[in-house]
């Protein structure tokens, strides 16, 4: 049996990130890393530590007026010859941490674990009560997601005034996220031999009106809590026909609607049905977005502590799971998201250090960045 992994939360944050990368935790095999995280957090004073499967939660109970949640996932996509980790110099970015999960999102988890230890060591502890969440199965089917499981089984564990999810954002605050809906728009016809096409009705030709409506569609830009989210409605697939000598009697255009978090899934579905009025619309998947909650004092203080100008998150992330339990959330972490899941996945060391500094400053109640 291999020796258990030991995490030094009070040591160098980059060394901690390397240990995390060097500990394989492909989705479904997070157990050893979850054990190490739990053991390390139990070694910190003043934390209640809880566990559900391979999700670990640790929280303070100091009676502060605000509670914040800081979360990150422990799993990665499969390793592709990119473990163990390496430090590689880069002329533009300085040293890079290279290895599976360096971006998505073990550098972010290292920032959070290091900050958890540092803030507990402050003379008066954190200025806000903190709930630390480290969860499993983010990179696989949504039904297996550990944060979703916590929301179902222990929603009280996720309670707070605002949440920070350590997804890679290159150290920029990205608030909330757009929602997403997928639907099939169906046209029908009458199948006949293509040599006698005048006797049938071509369903693929009928889909031309669906495509025309999409081409003419003007997506909204919507201000939500001070961030402007860009929507989009696009065809992402089309299928129809059974043979090259048969006029097709059915055609399906698959569309994807990315909608601002001012609208919920039911509202998004109504809108798509209005756009394609007269056609059969089959909704196949929908996930609500998340408001950033930048009007909340805790979120505003976070932006002030981090500095810079926050941006909207156009893609969907697990911040939406916090929104579903009434907690507004932002994305913030080291690493370029375009590097996530690549074989050469790499994160600038400077971003790891800066994200730790900023997170710790916010939790400790330091004055905002000017």
Protein backbone atom coordinates (compact mmCIF):
# COMPACT_ATOMS: atom_id res chain seq x y z
CA UNK A 1 0.00 0.00 0.00
CA UNK A 2 1.45 3.43 -0.95
CA UNK A 3 2.24 5.88 1.82
CA UNK A 4 -0.54 8.41 2.46
CA UNK A 5 -0.14 11.82 0.83
CA UNK A 6 0.88 14.56 3.25
CA UNK A 7 -0.01 18.16 2.42
CA UNK A 8 1.98 21.00 4.00
CA UNK A 9 -0.56 23.82 4.15
CA UNK A 10 1.83 26.22 5.88
CA UNK A 11 4.69 25.78 3.41
CA UNK A 12 5.29 27.31 -0.01
CA UNK A 13 2.05 27.51 -2.01
CA UNK A 14 3.77 26.51 -5.26
CA UNK A 15 5.29 23.44 -3.61
CA UNK A 16 1.80 22.59 -2.36
CA UNK A 17 0.40 22.96 -5.87
CA UNK A 18 3.10 20.59 -7.16
CA UNK A 19 2.20 18.00 -4.52
CA UNK A 20 -1.44 18.23 -5.57
CA UNK A 21 -0.56 17.81 -9.25
CA UNK A 22 1.72 14.88 -8.40
CA UNK A 23 -1.15 13.11 -6.61
CA UNK A 24 -3.32 11.52 -9.32
CA UNK A 25 -7.02 12.21 -8.82
CA UNK A 26 -8.74 11.49 -12.10
CA UNK A 27 -12.54 11.64 -11.69
CA UNK A 28 -13.63 8.59 -9.73
CA UNK A 29 -10.23 8.18 -8.09
CA UNK A 30 -10.19 11.21 -5.79
CA UNK A 31 -10.13 9.17 -2.58
CA UNK A 32 -6.39 9.41 -1.68
CA UNK A 33 -6.31 13.16 -2.34
CA UNK A 34 -9.56 13.70 -0.44
CA UNK A 35 -8.05 11.77 2.49
CA UNK A 36 -4.99 14.03 2.41
CA UNK A 37 -7.10 17.20 2.26
CA UNK A 38 -9.25 16.02 5.15
CA UNK A 39 -6.21 15.15 7.28
CA UNK A 40 -4.55 18.49 6.55
CA UNK A 41 -7.66 20.48 7.41
CA UNK A 42 -8.19 18.52 10.64
CA UNK A 43 -4.72 19.69 11.61
CA UNK A 44 -5.83 23.34 11.59
CA UNK A 45 -7.31 24.88 14.76
CA UNK A 46 -10.84 26.24 14.85
CA UNK A 47 -12.30 24.28 11.94
CA UNK A 48 -15.23 21.88 11.88
CA UNK A 49 -14.40 19.27 9.23
CA UNK A 50 -17.13 17.30 7.46
CA UNK A 51 -17.09 14.72 4.70
CA UNK A 52 -19.52 13.25 2.19
CA UNK A 53 -17.97 10.64 -0.09
CA UNK A 54 -14.86 12.28 -1.52
CA UNK A 55 -16.08 15.83 -0.80
CA UNK A 56 -14.50 17.57 2.20
CA UNK A 57 -15.96 20.63 3.91
CA UNK A 58 -14.32 22.67 6.66
CA UNK A 59 -15.88 25.71 8.32
CA UNK A 60 -15.34 28.26 11.04
CA UNK A 61 -17.92 29.23 13.67
CA UNK A 62 -16.76 32.63 14.90
CA UNK A 63 -20.08 34.46 14.88
CA UNK A 64 -18.98 36.89 12.16
CA UNK A 65 -21.72 38.92 10.44
CA UNK A 66 -20.92 37.34 7.07
CA UNK A 67 -20.16 33.82 5.91
CA UNK A 68 -18.31 33.20 2.65
CA UNK A 69 -17.84 29.91 0.83
CA UNK A 70 -14.61 29.12 -1.04
CA UNK A 71 -14.78 26.02 -3.23
CA UNK A 72 -12.73 23.96 -5.65
CA UNK A 73 -12.83 20.51 -7.20
CA UNK A 74 -10.20 17.84 -6.57
CA UNK A 75 -10.55 15.78 -9.75
CA UNK A 76 -8.89 16.10 -13.14
CA UNK A 77 -9.38 14.71 -16.61
CA UNK A 78 -7.21 11.65 -17.42
CA UNK A 79 -3.44 11.96 -17.18
CA UNK A 80 -1.64 12.14 -20.54
CA UNK A 81 2.01 11.71 -19.67
CA UNK A 82 1.93 15.03 -17.81
CA UNK A 83 2.54 13.85 -14.23
CA UNK A 84 4.78 14.39 -12.29
CA UNK A 85 4.78 18.18 -12.40
CA UNK A 86 7.58 20.38 -13.75
CA UNK A 87 8.63 24.00 -13.36
CA UNK A 88 9.48 25.47 -16.75
CA UNK A 89 10.81 29.02 -17.33
CA UNK A 90 8.91 31.24 -19.73
CA UNK A 91 10.30 34.50 -21.10
CA UNK A 92 6.96 36.31 -20.90
CA UNK A 93 5.25 34.75 -17.88
CA UNK A 94 8.12 33.67 -15.64
CA UNK A 95 8.12 30.16 -14.21
CA UNK A 96 5.26 27.90 -15.23
CA UNK A 97 3.87 24.97 -13.25
CA UNK A 98 3.30 22.26 -15.85
CA UNK A 99 1.25 19.11 -15.28
CA UNK A 100 -2.23 17.63 -15.32
CA UNK A 101 -4.54 19.80 -13.25
CA UNK A 102 -2.08 22.69 -12.97
CA UNK A 103 -4.82 24.92 -14.40
CA UNK A 104 -8.01 22.95 -13.82
CA UNK A 105 -7.79 23.32 -10.96
CA UNK A 106 -5.11 22.15 -8.55
CA UNK A 107 -3.32 25.51 -8.49
CA UNK A 108 -6.62 27.01 -7.35
CA UNK A 109 -7.04 24.29 -4.73
CA UNK A 110 -3.50 24.98 -3.50
CA UNK A 111 -4.35 28.67 -3.15
CA UNK A 112 -7.43 27.78 -1.11
CA UNK A 113 -5.71 25.25 1.16
CA UNK A 114 -2.78 27.59 1.78
CA UNK A 115 -5.12 30.48 2.54
CA UNK A 116 -7.16 28.28 4.88
CA UNK A 117 -4.08 27.69 7.01
CA UNK A 118 -2.81 31.27 6.83
CA UNK A 119 -6.10 32.90 7.79
CA UNK A 120 -6.54 30.56 10.77
CA UNK A 121 -3.09 31.67 11.97
CA UNK A 122 -4.03 35.36 12.00
CA UNK A 123 -4.26 36.76 15.56
CA UNK A 124 -8.01 37.22 15.29
CA UNK A 125 -8.67 34.65 12.58
CA UNK A 126 -10.68 35.51 9.47
CA UNK A 127 -12.76 38.69 9.34
CA UNK A 128 -15.58 36.60 7.86
CA UNK A 129 -16.70 33.12 8.76
CA UNK A 130 -15.44 30.80 6.04
CA UNK A 131 -16.66 27.51 4.61
CA UNK A 132 -14.04 25.66 2.57
CA UNK A 133 -15.41 23.11 0.08
CA UNK A 134 -13.29 20.58 -1.85
CA UNK A 135 -15.38 18.25 -4.01
CA UNK A 136 -15.21 15.36 -6.43
CA UNK A 137 -16.47 14.38 -9.89
CA UNK A 138 -16.57 17.82 -11.51
CA UNK A 139 -15.07 16.65 -14.80
CA UNK A 140 -17.66 13.96 -15.56
CA UNK A 141 -21.41 13.56 -15.88
CA UNK A 142 -23.34 16.26 -14.04
CA UNK A 143 -25.34 13.65 -12.10
CA UNK A 144 -22.11 12.57 -10.34
CA UNK A 145 -20.93 16.07 -9.42
CA UNK A 146 -19.85 16.23 -5.78
CA UNK A 147 -20.99 19.83 -5.30
CA UNK A 148 -24.41 18.87 -6.64
CA UNK A 149 -24.47 15.96 -4.21
CA UNK A 150 -23.68 18.29 -1.30
CA UNK A 151 -26.45 20.65 -2.45
CA UNK A 152 -28.91 17.73 -2.39
CA UNK A 153 -27.78 16.03 0.82
CA UNK A 154 -26.36 18.89 2.90
CA UNK A 155 -27.50 22.27 1.56
CA UNK A 156 -26.74 23.82 4.95
CA UNK A 157 -23.04 23.02 4.40
CA UNK A 158 -23.06 25.43 1.43
CA UNK A 159 -24.90 28.31 3.12
CA UNK A 160 -23.26 31.72 2.85
CA UNK A 161 -23.53 35.32 1.71
CA UNK A 162 -21.31 34.81 -1.33
CA UNK A 163 -19.22 32.00 -2.83
CA UNK A 164 -15.90 32.03 -4.66
CA UNK A 165 -15.23 29.12 -7.02
CA UNK A 166 -11.56 28.66 -7.86
CA UNK A 167 -12.03 27.96 -11.56
CA UNK A 168 -9.15 29.32 -13.68
CA UNK A 169 -9.76 32.94 -14.70
CA UNK A 170 -6.16 34.20 -15.07
CA UNK A 171 -6.63 35.93 -11.72
CA UNK A 172 -9.60 38.05 -12.86
CA UNK A 173 -12.96 38.05 -11.06
CA UNK A 174 -15.63 36.59 -13.34
CA UNK A 175 -19.08 36.95 -11.85
CA UNK A 176 -21.89 34.42 -12.04
CA UNK A 177 -22.42 32.62 -15.34
CA UNK A 178 -24.81 32.38 -18.26
CA UNK A 179 -27.40 29.64 -18.34
CA UNK A 180 -27.55 27.12 -21.17
CA UNK A 181 -30.41 25.37 -22.97
CA UNK A 182 -30.30 22.84 -25.77
CA UNK A 183 -33.32 21.99 -27.89
CA UNK A 184 -34.22 20.11 -31.06
CA UNK A 185 -36.33 22.03 -33.58
CA UNK A 186 -38.13 19.43 -35.71
CA UNK A 187 -39.51 19.75 -39.24
CA UNK A 188 -41.54 17.03 -40.94
CA UNK A 189 -42.34 16.09 -44.53
CA UNK A 190 -43.38 13.11 -46.63
CA UNK A 191 -40.82 10.58 -47.82
CA UNK A 192 -40.80 9.50 -51.48
CA UNK A 193 -38.25 8.32 -54.03
CA UNK A 194 -36.11 11.29 -55.03
CA UNK A 195 -36.81 10.49 -58.70
CA UNK A 196 -40.42 11.52 -58.00
CA UNK A 197 -39.73 14.28 -55.47
CA UNK A 198 -42.84 16.27 -56.49
CA UNK A 199 -44.93 13.61 -54.76
CA UNK A 200 -43.29 14.24 -51.37
CA UNK A 201 -42.43 17.05 -48.97
CA UNK A 202 -38.76 17.66 -48.14
CA UNK A 203 -38.28 18.15 -44.40
CA UNK A 204 -34.69 19.36 -44.85
CA UNK A 205 -35.88 22.14 -47.13
CA UNK A 206 -38.44 23.09 -44.50
CA UNK A 207 -35.61 23.56 -42.03
CA UNK A 208 -34.50 26.55 -44.11
CA UNK A 209 -36.99 28.70 -42.20
CA UNK A 210 -35.47 27.56 -38.89
CA UNK A 211 -32.02 28.59 -40.12
CA UNK A 212 -33.38 31.88 -41.48
CA UNK A 213 -34.81 32.78 -38.07
CA UNK A 214 -31.48 31.97 -36.45
CA UNK A 215 -29.59 34.11 -38.99
CA UNK A 216 -31.92 37.05 -38.31
CA UNK A 217 -31.86 36.61 -34.53
CA UNK A 218 -30.37 39.51 -32.57
CA UNK A 219 -29.02 38.31 -29.19
CA UNK A 220 -29.36 40.50 -26.11
CA UNK A 221 -26.70 42.08 -23.96
CA UNK A 222 -28.11 42.14 -20.41
CA UNK A 223 -26.83 44.04 -17.37
CA UNK A 224 -27.04 41.86 -14.25
CA UNK A 225 -25.66 43.28 -10.99
CA UNK A 226 -23.38 45.59 -12.95
CA UNK A 227 -21.98 42.99 -15.38
CA UNK A 228 -23.10 42.78 -19.00
CA UNK A 229 -23.79 39.23 -20.17
CA UNK A 230 -23.92 38.47 -23.89
CA UNK A 231 -26.49 35.94 -24.98
CA UNK A 232 -26.43 33.71 -28.03
CA UNK A 233 -28.81 31.43 -29.95
CA UNK A 234 -27.11 29.19 -32.48
CA UNK A 235 -27.58 26.05 -34.51
CA UNK A 236 -25.03 23.52 -33.30
CA UNK A 237 -26.13 20.51 -35.30
CA UNK A 238 -28.48 19.34 -38.04
CA UNK A 239 -29.52 15.87 -39.12
CA UNK A 240 -32.04 14.43 -41.57
CA UNK A 241 -32.43 11.88 -44.34
CA UNK A 242 -32.10 8.12 -44.49
CA UNK A 243 -30.65 7.53 -47.98
CA UNK A 244 -29.35 9.52 -50.93
CA UNK A 245 -32.32 8.54 -53.10
CA UNK A 246 -35.09 9.31 -50.60
CA UNK A 247 -36.70 12.69 -49.94
CA UNK A 248 -36.37 13.05 -46.15
CA UNK A 249 -39.53 13.14 -44.08
CA UNK A 250 -37.86 14.51 -40.92
CA UNK A 251 -35.11 16.97 -40.06
CA UNK A 252 -33.80 18.09 -36.67
CA UNK A 253 -31.92 21.32 -36.04
CA UNK A 254 -30.22 21.31 -32.63
CA UNK A 255 -29.91 24.77 -31.11
CA UNK A 256 -28.05 26.05 -28.08
CA UNK A 257 -29.30 29.11 -26.22
CA UNK A 258 -26.88 30.82 -23.80
CA UNK A 259 -28.98 33.12 -21.64
CA UNK A 260 -28.19 35.80 -19.07
CA UNK A 261 -28.74 34.92 -15.38
CA UNK A 262 -31.59 37.45 -15.24
CA UNK A 263 -33.69 34.72 -16.90
CA UNK A 264 -34.33 31.25 -15.47
CA UNK A 265 -34.61 27.99 -17.37
CA UNK A 266 -38.39 28.21 -17.71
CA UNK A 267 -38.10 31.72 -19.14
CA UNK A 268 -35.37 30.55 -21.52
CA UNK A 269 -37.59 27.73 -22.76
CA UNK A 270 -40.50 30.14 -23.36
CA UNK A 271 -38.21 32.40 -25.36
CA UNK A 272 -36.91 29.60 -27.57
CA UNK A 273 -40.45 28.39 -28.24
CA UNK A 274 -41.44 31.94 -29.21
CA UNK A 275 -38.52 32.22 -31.64
CA UNK A 276 -39.52 28.94 -33.31
CA UNK A 277 -43.28 29.40 -33.10
CA UNK A 278 -44.98 27.02 -35.53
CA UNK A 279 -42.30 24.34 -35.22
CA UNK A 280 -42.08 21.40 -32.85
CA UNK A 281 -39.50 22.21 -30.16
CA UNK A 282 -38.11 19.49 -27.88
CA UNK A 283 -36.00 20.80 -25.01
CA UNK A 284 -33.26 18.24 -24.26
CA UNK A 285 -31.22 19.99 -21.57
CA UNK A 286 -31.37 23.18 -19.53
CA UNK A 287 -29.26 24.59 -16.71
CA UNK A 288 -29.91 27.89 -14.98
CA UNK A 289 -27.15 30.47 -14.81
CA UNK A 290 -26.01 32.31 -11.69
CA UNK A 291 -26.21 35.95 -10.69
CA UNK A 292 -22.85 37.39 -9.58
CA UNK A 293 -24.37 39.17 -6.57
CA UNK A 294 -21.88 42.04 -6.83
CA UNK A 295 -24.41 44.20 -5.00
CA UNK A 296 -23.90 42.04 -1.88
CA UNK A 297 -21.45 43.58 0.63
CA UNK A 298 -19.28 40.45 0.81
CA UNK A 299 -19.00 40.24 -2.99
CA UNK A 300 -18.27 43.95 -3.33
CA UNK A 301 -15.56 43.62 -0.69
CA UNK A 302 -14.07 40.69 -2.61
CA UNK A 303 -13.85 42.70 -5.83
CA UNK A 304 -12.30 45.60 -3.91
CA UNK A 305 -9.71 43.30 -2.32
CA UNK A 306 -8.80 41.65 -5.62
CA UNK A 307 -8.66 44.87 -7.63
CA UNK A 308 -9.22 45.19 -11.36
CA UNK A 309 -12.51 45.21 -13.24
CA UNK A 310 -14.74 42.16 -12.86
CA UNK A 311 -16.02 40.45 -15.99
CA UNK A 312 -19.06 38.27 -16.68
CA UNK A 313 -18.63 34.51 -17.10
CA UNK A 314 -20.16 33.63 -20.46
CA UNK A 315 -19.78 29.87 -20.03
CA UNK A 316 -21.58 27.72 -17.47
CA UNK A 317 -19.72 26.72 -14.28
CA UNK A 318 -20.55 25.24 -10.89
CA UNK A 319 -21.28 28.71 -9.54
CA UNK A 320 -24.78 27.91 -10.78
CA UNK A 321 -25.04 25.20 -8.14
CA UNK A 322 -24.47 27.84 -5.48
CA UNK A 323 -27.09 30.08 -7.07
CA UNK A 324 -29.54 27.16 -6.88
CA UNK A 325 -29.21 27.18 -3.06
CA UNK A 326 -29.48 30.97 -2.87
CA UNK A 327 -25.77 31.89 -2.73
CA UNK A 328 -24.47 34.35 -5.37
CA UNK A 329 -21.05 33.35 -6.65
CA UNK A 330 -18.02 34.45 -8.62
CA UNK A 331 -15.21 32.57 -10.38
CA UNK A 332 -11.64 33.44 -9.39
CA UNK A 333 -8.45 31.45 -9.71
CA UNK A 334 -5.01 31.19 -11.28
CA UNK A 335 -4.42 29.83 -14.76
CA UNK A 336 -5.61 30.53 -18.30
CA UNK A 337 -8.80 28.52 -18.92
CA UNK A 338 -7.67 27.98 -22.51
CA UNK A 339 -4.89 25.80 -21.07
CA UNK A 340 -7.31 23.52 -19.20
CA UNK A 341 -7.28 19.85 -20.28
CA UNK A 342 -4.38 20.34 -22.73
CA UNK A 343 -1.43 17.94 -22.64
CA UNK A 344 0.87 20.88 -21.86
CA UNK A 345 -1.41 22.32 -19.18
CA UNK A 346 0.54 25.06 -17.39
CA UNK A 347 -0.11 27.80 -14.85
CA UNK A 348 2.09 30.86 -14.20
CA UNK A 349 3.63 30.61 -10.73
CA UNK A 350 3.15 34.37 -10.28
CA UNK A 351 -0.63 33.95 -10.61
CA UNK A 352 -0.68 31.27 -7.93
CA UNK A 353 1.18 33.55 -5.52
CA UNK A 354 -0.95 36.61 -6.34
CA UNK A 355 -4.28 34.76 -6.05
CA UNK A 356 -3.25 33.49 -2.62
CA UNK A 357 -2.29 37.00 -1.52
CA UNK A 358 -5.56 38.51 -2.73
CA UNK A 359 -7.78 35.77 -1.27
CA UNK A 360 -6.02 35.99 2.07
CA UNK A 361 -6.31 39.78 2.11
CA UNK A 362 -10.08 39.57 1.57
CA UNK A 363 -10.61 36.90 4.19
CA UNK A 364 -8.44 38.74 6.68
CA UNK A 365 -10.24 42.03 6.18
CA UNK A 366 -7.30 43.96 4.67
CA UNK A 367 -8.01 47.39 3.07
CA UNK A 368 -9.08 47.23 -0.59
CA UNK A 369 -6.59 47.49 -3.42
CA UNK A 370 -6.27 51.06 -4.76
